[in-house]
């Protein structure tokens, strides 16, 4: 098994949760993907405006269709799909600032920092500031010791897998072009991390 796929042990998870909370994040631990889905539904109120970022983790817990097709939420992604390319700036604004954003990260450190890599950077404004609330669902295999290990994980593990996925899905490769490092959150109860004791996404 790739070392970056190994689930963190209980001690590492506990250390990470404590550090996340100290850095201003709401942090939760659940046993499996079904409980992760339930936690998402507990956190995001019905009728809320929600932008689901592209995420294999969200796909794996069956949240994407719930957001875009159930009618339970006001789907930003659906609204973006209905807008013409002539409204490019309006689409950028809508994609950058919503009531709720949900996605995942590529690494979370045991000292409570989150790292997200992106080819275009489209999800980063909402994560950093634009969204009023952010929920990240994170498989416990993404827990690493520190920022150096997080960068190695992104370059050695996440990028090759995402590049392969992107080529199949879009016909173009991915890239570690932009990296967001979130060290602390200063807005109380804005940023929430759901750690799942299963391998989810990459």
C-alpha atoms as a PDB file:
ATOM      1  CA  UNK A   1       0.000   0.000   0.000  1.00  0.00           C
ATOM      2  CA  UNK A   2       1.126   3.550  -0.786  1.00  0.00           C
ATOM      3  CA  UNK A   3       2.189   5.112   2.508  1.00  0.00           C
ATOM      4  CA  UNK A   4      -0.049   8.093   1.737  1.00  0.00           C
ATOM      5  CA  UNK A   5      -3.057   5.759   1.751  1.00  0.00           C
ATOM      6  CA  UNK A   6      -2.501   4.515   5.300  1.00  0.00           C
ATOM      7  CA  UNK A   7      -5.137   5.591   7.780  1.00  0.00           C
ATOM      8  CA  UNK A   8      -3.929   7.638  10.736  1.00  0.00           C
ATOM      9  CA  UNK A   9      -4.104   5.885  14.091  1.00  0.00           C
ATOM     10  CA  UNK A  10      -6.301   6.987  16.983  1.00  0.00           C
ATOM     11  CA  UNK A  11      -3.522   9.001  18.625  1.00  0.00           C
ATOM     12  CA  UNK A  12      -2.786  10.945  15.448  1.00  0.00           C
ATOM     13  CA  UNK A  13      -6.480  11.620  14.881  1.00  0.00           C
ATOM     14  CA  UNK A  14      -6.930  12.871  18.450  1.00  0.00           C
ATOM     15  CA  UNK A  15      -3.854  15.112  18.153  1.00  0.00           C
ATOM     16  CA  UNK A  16      -5.133  16.525  14.875  1.00  0.00           C
ATOM     17  CA  UNK A  17      -8.602  17.254  16.251  1.00  0.00           C
ATOM     18  CA  UNK A  18      -7.162  19.054  19.261  1.00  0.00           C
ATOM     19  CA  UNK A  19      -4.887  21.155  17.037  1.00  0.00           C
ATOM     20  CA  UNK A  20      -7.686  21.991  14.587  1.00  0.00           C
ATOM     21  CA  UNK A  21      -9.887  23.223  17.413  1.00  0.00           C
ATOM     22  CA  UNK A  22      -7.039  25.297  18.842  1.00  0.00           C
ATOM     23  CA  UNK A  23      -6.656  26.909  15.402  1.00  0.00           C
ATOM     24  CA  UNK A  24     -10.298  27.959  15.196  1.00  0.00           C
ATOM     25  CA  UNK A  25     -11.813  25.074  13.250  1.00  0.00           C
ATOM     26  CA  UNK A  26     -14.822  23.034  14.267  1.00  0.00           C
ATOM     27  CA  UNK A  27     -13.612  19.412  14.144  1.00  0.00           C
ATOM     28  CA  UNK A  28     -15.601  16.185  14.192  1.00  0.00           C
ATOM     29  CA  UNK A  29     -14.613  12.522  13.914  1.00  0.00           C
ATOM     30  CA  UNK A  30     -16.906   9.862  12.427  1.00  0.00           C
ATOM     31  CA  UNK A  31     -16.369   6.161  11.861  1.00  0.00           C
ATOM     32  CA  UNK A  32     -17.419   5.775   8.225  1.00  0.00           C
ATOM     33  CA  UNK A  33     -18.718   7.417   5.065  1.00  0.00           C
ATOM     34  CA  UNK A  34     -22.377   6.944   5.933  1.00  0.00           C
ATOM     35  CA  UNK A  35     -21.905   8.782   9.227  1.00  0.00           C
ATOM     36  CA  UNK A  36     -19.942  11.448   7.367  1.00  0.00           C
ATOM     37  CA  UNK A  37     -22.939  11.994   5.094  1.00  0.00           C
ATOM     38  CA  UNK A  38     -25.222  12.222   8.113  1.00  0.00           C
ATOM     39  CA  UNK A  39     -22.923  14.785   9.721  1.00  0.00           C
ATOM     40  CA  UNK A  40     -22.986  16.911   6.572  1.00  0.00           C
ATOM     41  CA  UNK A  41     -26.785  16.915   6.717  1.00  0.00           C
ATOM     42  CA  UNK A  42     -26.674  17.900  10.384  1.00  0.00           C
ATOM     43  CA  UNK A  43     -24.365  20.826   9.701  1.00  0.00           C
ATOM     44  CA  UNK A  44     -25.915  22.301   6.526  1.00  0.00           C
ATOM     45  CA  UNK A  45     -29.533  23.438   7.000  1.00  0.00           C
ATOM     46  CA  UNK A  46     -32.229  22.584   4.474  1.00  0.00           C
ATOM     47  CA  UNK A  47     -32.772  25.346   1.935  1.00  0.00           C
ATOM     48  CA  UNK A  48     -29.230  26.682   2.296  1.00  0.00           C
ATOM     49  CA  UNK A  49     -27.272  27.942  -0.697  1.00  0.00           C
ATOM     50  CA  UNK A  50     -24.562  25.307  -1.228  1.00  0.00           C
ATOM     51  CA  UNK A  51     -21.625  25.027  -3.609  1.00  0.00           C
ATOM     52  CA  UNK A  52     -20.191  21.520  -3.831  1.00  0.00           C
ATOM     53  CA  UNK A  53     -16.618  21.684  -5.054  1.00  0.00           C
ATOM     54  CA  UNK A  54     -15.270  18.988  -7.358  1.00  0.00           C
ATOM     55  CA  UNK A  55     -14.225  16.238  -4.957  1.00  0.00           C
ATOM     56  CA  UNK A  56     -13.788  12.492  -5.139  1.00  0.00           C
ATOM     57  CA  UNK A  57     -14.414  12.459  -1.397  1.00  0.00           C
ATOM     58  CA  UNK A  58     -17.880  13.978  -1.825  1.00  0.00           C
ATOM     59  CA  UNK A  59     -18.599  11.520  -4.612  1.00  0.00           C
ATOM     60  CA  UNK A  60     -17.601   8.623  -2.365  1.00  0.00           C
ATOM     61  CA  UNK A  61     -20.036   9.580   0.393  1.00  0.00           C
ATOM     62  CA  UNK A  62     -22.913  10.182  -2.059  1.00  0.00           C
ATOM     63  CA  UNK A  63     -23.358  13.851  -1.188  1.00  0.00           C
ATOM     64  CA  UNK A  64     -23.086  15.385  -4.665  1.00  0.00           C
ATOM     65  CA  UNK A  65     -26.444  14.215  -6.005  1.00  0.00           C
ATOM     66  CA  UNK A  66     -28.042  15.053  -2.681  1.00  0.00           C
ATOM     67  CA  UNK A  67     -26.946  18.666  -3.089  1.00  0.00           C
ATOM     68  CA  UNK A  68     -27.652  19.035  -6.794  1.00  0.00           C
ATOM     69  CA  UNK A  69     -30.705  16.812  -7.331  1.00  0.00           C
ATOM     70  CA  UNK A  70     -32.672  16.306  -4.112  1.00  0.00           C
ATOM     71  CA  UNK A  71     -34.221  19.766  -3.923  1.00  0.00           C
ATOM     72  CA  UNK A  72     -33.153  19.959  -0.290  1.00  0.00           C
ATOM     73  CA  UNK A  73     -30.596  22.692  -1.022  1.00  0.00           C
ATOM     74  CA  UNK A  74     -30.207  25.716  -3.278  1.00  0.00           C
ATOM     75  CA  UNK A  75     -27.456  24.357  -5.531  1.00  0.00           C
ATOM     76  CA  UNK A  76     -24.944  26.935  -6.726  1.00  0.00           C
ATOM     77  CA  UNK A  77     -23.491  24.434  -9.181  1.00  0.00           C
ATOM     78  CA  UNK A  78     -26.907  24.056 -10.830  1.00  0.00           C
ATOM     79  CA  UNK A  79     -27.213  27.822 -11.174  1.00  0.00           C
ATOM     80  CA  UNK A  80     -23.740  28.057 -12.695  1.00  0.00           C
ATOM     81  CA  UNK A  81     -24.634  25.379 -15.252  1.00  0.00           C
ATOM     82  CA  UNK A  82     -27.644  27.410 -16.357  1.00  0.00           C
ATOM     83  CA  UNK A  83     -25.653  30.604 -16.936  1.00  0.00           C
ATOM     84  CA  UNK A  84     -24.182  31.407 -20.328  1.00  0.00           C
ATOM     85  CA  UNK A  85     -20.493  31.991 -20.928  1.00  0.00           C
ATOM     86  CA  UNK A  86     -21.368  35.626 -21.589  1.00  0.00           C
ATOM     87  CA  UNK A  87     -21.864  35.994 -17.848  1.00  0.00           C
ATOM     88  CA  UNK A  88     -18.316  34.921 -17.034  1.00  0.00           C
ATOM     89  CA  UNK A  89     -17.711  37.536 -14.342  1.00  0.00           C
ATOM     90  CA  UNK A  90     -21.033  36.840 -12.675  1.00  0.00           C
ATOM     91  CA  UNK A  91     -20.181  33.143 -12.652  1.00  0.00           C
ATOM     92  CA  UNK A  92     -16.796  33.883 -11.075  1.00  0.00           C
ATOM     93  CA  UNK A  93     -18.435  35.918  -8.332  1.00  0.00           C
ATOM     94  CA  UNK A  94     -21.039  33.269  -7.640  1.00  0.00           C
ATOM     95  CA  UNK A  95     -18.402  30.543  -7.576  1.00  0.00           C
ATOM     96  CA  UNK A  96     -16.217  32.497  -5.168  1.00  0.00           C
ATOM     97  CA  UNK A  97     -18.749  33.475  -2.496  1.00  0.00           C
ATOM     98  CA  UNK A  98     -21.681  31.409  -1.289  1.00  0.00           C
ATOM     99  CA  UNK A  99     -23.550  30.761   1.931  1.00  0.00           C
ATOM    100  CA  UNK A 100     -22.036  27.270   2.212  1.00  0.00           C
ATOM    101  CA  UNK A 101     -19.132  25.593   0.417  1.00  0.00           C
ATOM    102  CA  UNK A 102     -18.381  21.903   0.808  1.00  0.00           C
ATOM    103  CA  UNK A 103     -15.436  19.889  -0.415  1.00  0.00           C
ATOM    104  CA  UNK A 104     -12.257  18.287   0.873  1.00  0.00           C
ATOM    105  CA  UNK A 105      -8.570  19.014   1.353  1.00  0.00           C
ATOM    106  CA  UNK A 106      -5.492  17.143   0.184  1.00  0.00           C
ATOM    107  CA  UNK A 107      -3.737  17.079   3.532  1.00  0.00           C
ATOM    108  CA  UNK A 108      -4.380  17.967   7.144  1.00  0.00           C
ATOM    109  CA  UNK A 109      -1.457  18.244   9.524  1.00  0.00           C
ATOM    110  CA  UNK A 110      -1.287  17.057  13.101  1.00  0.00           C
ATOM    111  CA  UNK A 111      -0.611  20.639  14.140  1.00  0.00           C
ATOM    112  CA  UNK A 112      -3.966  21.679  12.697  1.00  0.00           C
ATOM    113  CA  UNK A 113      -3.313  23.114   9.237  1.00  0.00           C
ATOM    114  CA  UNK A 114      -5.172  22.367   5.988  1.00  0.00           C
ATOM    115  CA  UNK A 115      -3.662  22.253   2.489  1.00  0.00           C
ATOM    116  CA  UNK A 116      -5.531  22.293  -0.813  1.00  0.00           C
ATOM    117  CA  UNK A 117      -3.873  22.114  -4.237  1.00  0.00           C
ATOM    118  CA  UNK A 118      -5.585  23.209  -7.436  1.00  0.00           C
ATOM    119  CA  UNK A 119      -4.968  23.512 -11.164  1.00  0.00           C
ATOM    120  CA  UNK A 120      -7.196  26.582 -11.652  1.00  0.00           C
ATOM    121  CA  UNK A 121      -7.750  27.826  -8.104  1.00  0.00           C
ATOM    122  CA  UNK A 122     -11.521  27.974  -8.628  1.00  0.00           C
ATOM    123  CA  UNK A 123     -12.382  26.508  -5.224  1.00  0.00           C
ATOM    124  CA  UNK A 124      -9.803  28.453  -3.232  1.00  0.00           C
ATOM    125  CA  UNK A 125     -11.526  31.872  -2.831  1.00  0.00           C
ATOM    126  CA  UNK A 126     -14.573  30.299  -1.193  1.00  0.00           C
ATOM    127  CA  UNK A 127     -12.424  28.174   1.098  1.00  0.00           C
ATOM    128  CA  UNK A 128     -10.190  31.056   2.155  1.00  0.00           C
ATOM    129  CA  UNK A 129     -12.828  33.724   2.710  1.00  0.00           C
ATOM    130  CA  UNK A 130     -15.738  33.943   0.266  1.00  0.00           C
ATOM    131  CA  UNK A 131     -18.073  31.329   1.689  1.00  0.00           C
ATOM    132  CA  UNK A 132     -19.879  32.183   4.903  1.00  0.00           C
ATOM    133  CA  UNK A 133     -19.461  28.562   6.011  1.00  0.00           C
ATOM    134  CA  UNK A 134     -17.144  25.799   4.792  1.00  0.00           C
ATOM    135  CA  UNK A 135     -17.341  22.051   5.394  1.00  0.00           C
ATOM    136  CA  UNK A 136     -14.411  19.813   4.508  1.00  0.00           C
ATOM    137  CA  UNK A 137     -14.889  16.031   4.581  1.00  0.00           C
ATOM    138  CA  UNK A 138     -11.502  14.379   5.002  1.00  0.00           C
ATOM    139  CA  UNK A 139     -10.482  10.735   4.990  1.00  0.00           C
ATOM    140  CA  UNK A 140      -8.075   9.893   7.822  1.00  0.00           C
ATOM    141  CA  UNK A 141      -5.412   8.806   5.318  1.00  0.00           C
ATOM    142  CA  UNK A 142      -4.860  12.508   4.591  1.00  0.00           C
ATOM    143  CA  UNK A 143      -3.531  13.226   8.077  1.00  0.00           C
ATOM    144  CA  UNK A 144       0.203  13.935   7.997  1.00  0.00           C
ATOM    145  CA  UNK A 145       2.737  15.061  10.557  1.00  0.00           C
ATOM    146  CA  UNK A 146       3.487  18.563   9.280  1.00  0.00           C
ATOM    147  CA  UNK A 147       3.457  20.929   6.298  1.00  0.00           C
ATOM    148  CA  UNK A 148       6.548  19.334   4.730  1.00  0.00           C
ATOM    149  CA  UNK A 149       4.828  15.947   4.677  1.00  0.00           C
ATOM    150  CA  UNK A 150       1.664  17.599   3.366  1.00  0.00           C
ATOM    151  CA  UNK A 151       3.549  18.998   0.373  1.00  0.00           C
ATOM    152  CA  UNK A 152       5.124  15.621  -0.309  1.00  0.00           C
ATOM    153  CA  UNK A 153       1.718  13.984  -0.165  1.00  0.00           C
ATOM    154  CA  UNK A 154       0.317  16.475  -2.673  1.00  0.00           C
ATOM    155  CA  UNK A 155       3.167  16.064  -5.164  1.00  0.00           C
ATOM    156  CA  UNK A 156       3.837  12.334  -4.768  1.00  0.00           C
ATOM    157  CA  UNK A 157       0.296  11.038  -4.319  1.00  0.00           C
ATOM    158  CA  UNK A 158      -2.559  13.453  -4.930  1.00  0.00           C
ATOM    159  CA  UNK A 159      -1.299  15.070  -8.116  1.00  0.00           C
ATOM    160  CA  UNK A 160      -0.610  11.852 -10.097  1.00  0.00           C
ATOM    161  CA  UNK A 161      -4.065  10.488  -9.238  1.00  0.00           C
ATOM    162  CA  UNK A 162      -5.867  13.749  -9.956  1.00  0.00           C
ATOM    163  CA  UNK A 163      -3.929  14.171 -13.210  1.00  0.00           C
ATOM    164  CA  UNK A 164      -5.072  10.732 -14.310  1.00  0.00           C
ATOM    165  CA  UNK A 165      -8.681  11.479 -13.317  1.00  0.00           C
ATOM    166  CA  UNK A 166      -8.685  14.861 -15.077  1.00  0.00           C
ATOM    167  CA  UNK A 167      -7.334  13.416 -18.321  1.00  0.00           C
ATOM    168  CA  UNK A 168     -10.131  10.853 -18.380  1.00  0.00           C
ATOM    169  CA  UNK A 169     -12.829  13.335 -17.371  1.00  0.00           C
ATOM    170  CA  UNK A 170     -11.792  16.478 -19.253  1.00  0.00           C
ATOM    171  CA  UNK A 171      -9.130  15.448 -21.731  1.00  0.00           C
ATOM    172  CA  UNK A 172      -6.521  17.678 -20.059  1.00  0.00           C
ATOM    173  CA  UNK A 173      -4.151  17.035 -17.197  1.00  0.00           C
ATOM    174  CA  UNK A 174      -4.134  18.648 -13.794  1.00  0.00           C
ATOM    175  CA  UNK A 175      -1.379  20.621 -12.068  1.00  0.00           C
ATOM    176  CA  UNK A 176      -0.199  21.760  -8.662  1.00  0.00           C
ATOM    177  CA  UNK A 177      -0.491  25.346  -9.839  1.00  0.00           C
ATOM    178  CA  UNK A 178      -1.965  26.959  -6.750  1.00  0.00           C
ATOM    179  CA  UNK A 179      -1.850  25.830  -3.129  1.00  0.00           C
ATOM    180  CA  UNK A 180      -3.956  27.197  -0.308  1.00  0.00           C
ATOM    181  CA  UNK A 181      -2.599  26.717   3.215  1.00  0.00           C
ATOM    182  CA  UNK A 182      -5.120  27.452   5.953  1.00  0.00           C
ATOM    183  CA  UNK A 183      -3.319  27.797   9.257  1.00  0.00           C
ATOM    184  CA  UNK A 184      -6.105  29.299  11.337  1.00  0.00           C
ATOM    185  CA  UNK A 185      -9.719  30.420  11.060  1.00  0.00           C
ATOM    186  CA  UNK A 186     -10.600  33.644  12.872  1.00  0.00           C
ATOM    187  CA  UNK A 187     -14.360  33.591  12.235  1.00  0.00           C
ATOM    188  CA  UNK A 188     -16.021  31.433  14.916  1.00  0.00           C
ATOM    189  CA  UNK A 189     -17.919  28.386  13.636  1.00  0.00           C
ATOM    190  CA  UNK A 190     -17.183  29.223   9.996  1.00  0.00           C
ATOM    191  CA  UNK A 191     -14.887  26.351   9.054  1.00  0.00           C
ATOM    192  CA  UNK A 192     -15.726  22.726   9.831  1.00  0.00           C
ATOM    193  CA  UNK A 193     -13.653  19.583   9.326  1.00  0.00           C
ATOM    194  CA  UNK A 194     -15.220  16.128   9.364  1.00  0.00           C
ATOM    195  CA  UNK A 195     -12.482  13.512   9.778  1.00  0.00           C
ATOM    196  CA  UNK A 196     -13.579  10.071   8.617  1.00  0.00           C
ATOM    197  CA  UNK A 197     -11.880   6.851   9.729  1.00  0.00           C
ATOM    198  CA  UNK A 198     -11.967   5.515   6.177  1.00  0.00           C
ATOM    199  CA  UNK A 199      -9.932   6.054   3.035  1.00  0.00           C
ATOM    200  CA  UNK A 200     -11.850   8.644   1.034  1.00  0.00           C
ATOM    201  CA  UNK A 201     -10.679  10.408  -2.075  1.00  0.00           C
ATOM    202  CA  UNK A 202      -6.998  11.125  -2.643  1.00  0.00           C
END
